[in-house]
Each structure stands twice: as structure tokens, then as C-alpha cells.
Amino acid sequence: QVQLVESGGGLVQPGGSLRLSCAASGFGSMFRFYAMGWYRQAPGKQRELVAEIGGGGSTNYADSVKGRFTISRDNTKNTVYLQMNSLKPEDTAVYYCKADWGHYYWGQGTQVTVSS
């Protein structure tokens, strides 16, 4: 059974950092072929792409997070990460992990709240 489990969310002050993890199970050795993405959805807003990383390691970021967030993956652990630095209140959202290789899967999300 394919599953994505996000972790690492929480409450952080503006300017702080968090590292999100997305552990993938049920993909076996095929995980490395999946494009992995982090998305977020703030209250009353549509879900939006934050960052994505291809199977070959190429990355893409939303303009709003460039220079502050870094996506990475460890195919030996079937895990993708999102390092978030210089967090702002507008980064507050539920963050979701997505795996995509023709067909796609979503995790349940982890809450990130940036507030003083």
C-alpha cells in the first residue's frame, strides 16, 4: 500500500526555520523515478506548489520561496525533505507532499504556523 507521511511541522517565530520530511512507503525501488513535490494550502486559498524535485534531482521553486526553501531527496530512505528558512507569517499553511509518476499520491499534510 502506497503511503506518504509528512512530519516536522509546528509553530515557529518569524525568521525561524523548520525542516519537513515526507516518508514514502509502498513504492519500493520505483521511488527514485517519482517526481516529488511540496504543496501548501492556507485557509481560504487554493493549494499551491512550493517546490518540486524530479527523479534526476532537478528542482523548481515558487517565486515566493526562492532563496529561503530547499527541497532535497534521499532515495535510499525513500524520503523527501523541505528545509524552510527565514520563515514568514505568510508561509503559514498545511504543507502536503505529492508523489507523481503518471499517477500521483498525496500525503495527509502537516501544519506549519509562523507567528510571534
C-alpha atoms as a PDB file:
ATOM      1  CA  GLN A   1       0.000   0.000   0.000  1.00  0.00           C
ATOM      2  CA  VAL A   2       1.418   3.346  -1.076  1.00  0.00           C
ATOM      3  CA  GLN A   3       1.627   5.942   1.652  1.00  0.00           C
ATOM      4  CA  LEU A   4       3.178   9.371   2.146  1.00  0.00           C
ATOM      5  CA  VAL A   5       3.618  10.623   5.692  1.00  0.00           C
ATOM      6  CA  GLU A   6       4.669  14.206   6.359  1.00  0.00           C
ATOM      7  CA  SER A   7       6.293  15.331   9.590  1.00  0.00           C
ATOM      8  CA  GLY A   8       8.227  18.251  11.009  1.00  0.00           C
ATOM      9  CA  GLY A   9       5.563  20.915  11.052  1.00  0.00           C
ATOM     10  CA  GLY A  10       4.873  23.126  14.033  1.00  0.00           C
ATOM     11  CA  LEU A  11       4.810  26.643  15.399  1.00  0.00           C
ATOM     12  CA  VAL A  12       7.802  28.851  14.696  1.00  0.00           C
ATOM     13  CA  GLN A  13       8.532  32.541  15.054  1.00  0.00           C
ATOM     14  CA  PRO A  14       9.086  34.747  12.019  1.00  0.00           C
ATOM     15  CA  GLY A  15      12.652  34.358  10.800  1.00  0.00           C
ATOM     16  CA  GLY A  16      12.871  30.830  12.148  1.00  0.00           C
ATOM     17  CA  SER A  17      13.442  27.528  10.404  1.00  0.00           C
ATOM     18  CA  LEU A  18      11.717  24.186  10.054  1.00  0.00           C
ATOM     19  CA  ARG A  19      12.574  21.016   8.209  1.00  0.00           C
ATOM     20  CA  LEU A  20       9.726  18.974   6.814  1.00  0.00           C
ATOM     21  CA  SER A  21      10.074  15.324   5.927  1.00  0.00           C
ATOM     22  CA  CYS A  22       7.926  13.129   3.721  1.00  0.00           C
ATOM     23  CA  ALA A  23       8.453   9.408   4.182  1.00  0.00           C
ATOM     24  CA  ALA A  24       7.217   7.284   1.297  1.00  0.00           C
ATOM     25  CA  SER A  25       6.302   3.646   1.685  1.00  0.00           C
ATOM     26  CA  GLY A  26       4.990   1.074  -0.747  1.00  0.00           C
ATOM     27  CA  PHE A  27       6.998   2.471  -3.667  1.00  0.00           C
ATOM     28  CA  GLY A  28       9.918   0.110  -3.358  1.00  0.00           C
ATOM     29  CA  SER A  29      12.760   0.781  -5.754  1.00  0.00           C
ATOM     30  CA  MET A  30      10.430   2.809  -8.015  1.00  0.00           C
ATOM     31  CA  PHE A  31      10.523   5.780  -5.642  1.00  0.00           C
ATOM     32  CA  ARG A  32      13.552   7.240  -7.396  1.00  0.00           C
ATOM     33  CA  PHE A  33      11.508   7.679 -10.586  1.00  0.00           C
ATOM     34  CA  TYR A  34       8.800   9.727  -8.919  1.00  0.00           C
ATOM     35  CA  ALA A  35       8.784  13.480  -9.087  1.00  0.00           C
ATOM     36  CA  MET A  36       8.218  14.672  -5.532  1.00  0.00           C
ATOM     37  CA  GLY A  37       6.636  17.935  -4.605  1.00  0.00           C
ATOM     38  CA  TRP A  38       5.720  20.026  -1.611  1.00  0.00           C
ATOM     39  CA  TYR A  39       2.491  21.971  -1.816  1.00  0.00           C
ATOM     40  CA  ARG A  40       0.741  24.165   0.694  1.00  0.00           C
ATOM     41  CA  GLN A  41      -2.757  25.364   1.348  1.00  0.00           C
ATOM     42  CA  ALA A  42      -3.585  28.316   3.533  1.00  0.00           C
ATOM     43  CA  PRO A  43      -7.106  28.865   4.902  1.00  0.00           C
ATOM     44  CA  GLY A  44      -9.402  30.155   2.177  1.00  0.00           C
ATOM     45  CA  LYS A  45      -6.792  29.700  -0.524  1.00  0.00           C
ATOM     46  CA  GLN A  46      -6.092  27.153  -3.205  1.00  0.00           C
ATOM     47  CA  ARG A  47      -3.375  24.576  -2.831  1.00  0.00           C
ATOM     48  CA  GLU A  48      -0.173  25.820  -4.455  1.00  0.00           C
ATOM     49  CA  LEU A  49       3.144  24.358  -5.462  1.00  0.00           C
ATOM     50  CA  VAL A  50       6.010  25.254  -3.138  1.00  0.00           C
ATOM     51  CA  ALA A  51       8.856  23.165  -4.536  1.00  0.00           C
ATOM     52  CA  GLU A  52       9.406  20.041  -6.566  1.00  0.00           C
ATOM     53  CA  ILE A  53      12.264  17.721  -7.326  1.00  0.00           C
ATOM     54  CA  GLY A  54      12.499  15.326 -10.230  1.00  0.00           C
ATOM     55  CA  GLY A  55      13.800  11.809 -10.186  1.00  0.00           C
ATOM     56  CA  GLY A  56      17.079  13.100 -11.581  1.00  0.00           C
ATOM     57  CA  GLY A  57      17.339  15.786  -8.916  1.00  0.00           C
ATOM     58  CA  SER A  58      16.239  18.833 -10.883  1.00  0.00           C
ATOM     59  CA  THR A  59      14.364  21.333  -8.744  1.00  0.00           C
ATOM     60  CA  ASN A  60      11.756  24.031  -9.176  1.00  0.00           C
ATOM     61  CA  TYR A  61      10.523  26.577  -6.652  1.00  0.00           C
ATOM     62  CA  ALA A  62       7.683  29.011  -6.302  1.00  0.00           C
ATOM     63  CA  ASP A  63       8.943  32.574  -6.574  1.00  0.00           C
ATOM     64  CA  SER A  64       7.719  33.292  -3.057  1.00  0.00           C
ATOM     65  CA  VAL A  65      10.119  30.764  -1.501  1.00  0.00           C
ATOM     66  CA  LYS A  66      13.181  31.005  -3.745  1.00  0.00           C
ATOM     67  CA  GLY A  67      16.314  31.572  -1.715  1.00  0.00           C
ATOM     68  CA  ARG A  68      14.595  30.552   1.523  1.00  0.00           C
ATOM     69  CA  PHE A  69      13.418  26.961   0.968  1.00  0.00           C
ATOM     70  CA  THR A  70      15.391  23.970  -0.260  1.00  0.00           C
ATOM     71  CA  ILE A  71      13.929  20.678  -1.426  1.00  0.00           C
ATOM     72  CA  SER A  72      16.000  17.504  -1.397  1.00  0.00           C
ATOM     73  CA  ARG A  73      15.505  13.778  -1.547  1.00  0.00           C
ATOM     74  CA  ASP A  74      17.200  10.659  -0.241  1.00  0.00           C
ATOM     75  CA  ASN A  75      16.288   7.742  -2.477  1.00  0.00           C
ATOM     76  CA  THR A  76      17.976   5.285  -0.110  1.00  0.00           C
ATOM     77  CA  LYS A  77      15.427   6.260   2.541  1.00  0.00           C
ATOM     78  CA  ASN A  78      12.509   6.964   0.187  1.00  0.00           C
ATOM     79  CA  THR A  79      12.222  10.373   1.797  1.00  0.00           C
ATOM     80  CA  VAL A  80      11.964  13.937   0.555  1.00  0.00           C
ATOM     81  CA  TYR A  81      12.740  16.996   2.649  1.00  0.00           C
ATOM     82  CA  LEU A  82      11.874  20.663   2.653  1.00  0.00           C
ATOM     83  CA  GLN A  83      14.260  22.922   4.553  1.00  0.00           C
ATOM     84  CA  MET A  84      12.481  26.179   5.272  1.00  0.00           C
ATOM     85  CA  ASN A  85      14.499  29.169   6.460  1.00  0.00           C
ATOM     86  CA  SER A  86      13.619  32.815   7.095  1.00  0.00           C
ATOM     87  CA  LEU A  87      10.009  31.849   7.591  1.00  0.00           C
ATOM     88  CA  LYS A  88       7.331  34.496   7.250  1.00  0.00           C
ATOM     89  CA  PRO A  89       3.763  34.650   8.576  1.00  0.00           C
ATOM     90  CA  GLU A  90       2.533  34.214   5.004  1.00  0.00           C
ATOM     91  CA  ASP A  91       4.188  30.781   4.934  1.00  0.00           C
ATOM     92  CA  THR A  92       1.547  29.588   7.383  1.00  0.00           C
ATOM     93  CA  ALA A  93      -0.347  26.718   5.785  1.00  0.00           C
ATOM     94  CA  VAL A  94      -0.839  22.987   5.729  1.00  0.00           C
ATOM     95  CA  TYR A  95       2.037  21.502   3.775  1.00  0.00           C
ATOM     96  CA  TYR A  96       1.411  18.444   1.638  1.00  0.00           C
ATOM     97  CA  CYS A  97       3.744  16.009  -0.046  1.00  0.00           C
ATOM     98  CA  LYS A  98       2.934  14.663  -3.514  1.00  0.00           C
ATOM     99  CA  ALA A  99       4.457  11.823  -5.494  1.00  0.00           C
ATOM    100  CA  ASP A 100       3.903  11.874  -9.250  1.00  0.00           C
ATOM    101  CA  TRP A 101       4.888   9.393 -11.955  1.00  0.00           C
ATOM    102  CA  GLY A 102       1.982   9.491 -14.326  1.00  0.00           C
ATOM    103  CA  HIS A 103      -0.322   8.666 -11.433  1.00  0.00           C
ATOM    104  CA  TYR A 104       0.028  10.589  -8.215  1.00  0.00           C
ATOM    105  CA  TYR A 105      -0.369  10.276  -4.472  1.00  0.00           C
ATOM    106  CA  TRP A 106      -0.841  12.812  -1.667  1.00  0.00           C
ATOM    107  CA  GLY A 107       0.083  12.774   1.979  1.00  0.00           C
ATOM    108  CA  GLN A 108      -2.221  13.938   4.751  1.00  0.00           C
ATOM    109  CA  GLY A 109      -0.348  17.172   5.392  1.00  0.00           C
ATOM    110  CA  THR A 110       1.461  18.829   8.267  1.00  0.00           C
ATOM    111  CA  GLN A 111       0.597  22.211   9.754  1.00  0.00           C
ATOM    112  CA  VAL A 112       3.158  25.000   9.683  1.00  0.00           C
ATOM    113  CA  THR A 113       2.341  28.130  11.653  1.00  0.00           C
ATOM    114  CA  VAL A 114       4.627  31.149  11.590  1.00  0.00           C
ATOM    115  CA  SER A 115       3.672  33.578  14.311  1.00  0.00           C
ATOM    116  CA  SER A 116       5.171  35.597  17.112  1.00  0.00           C
END
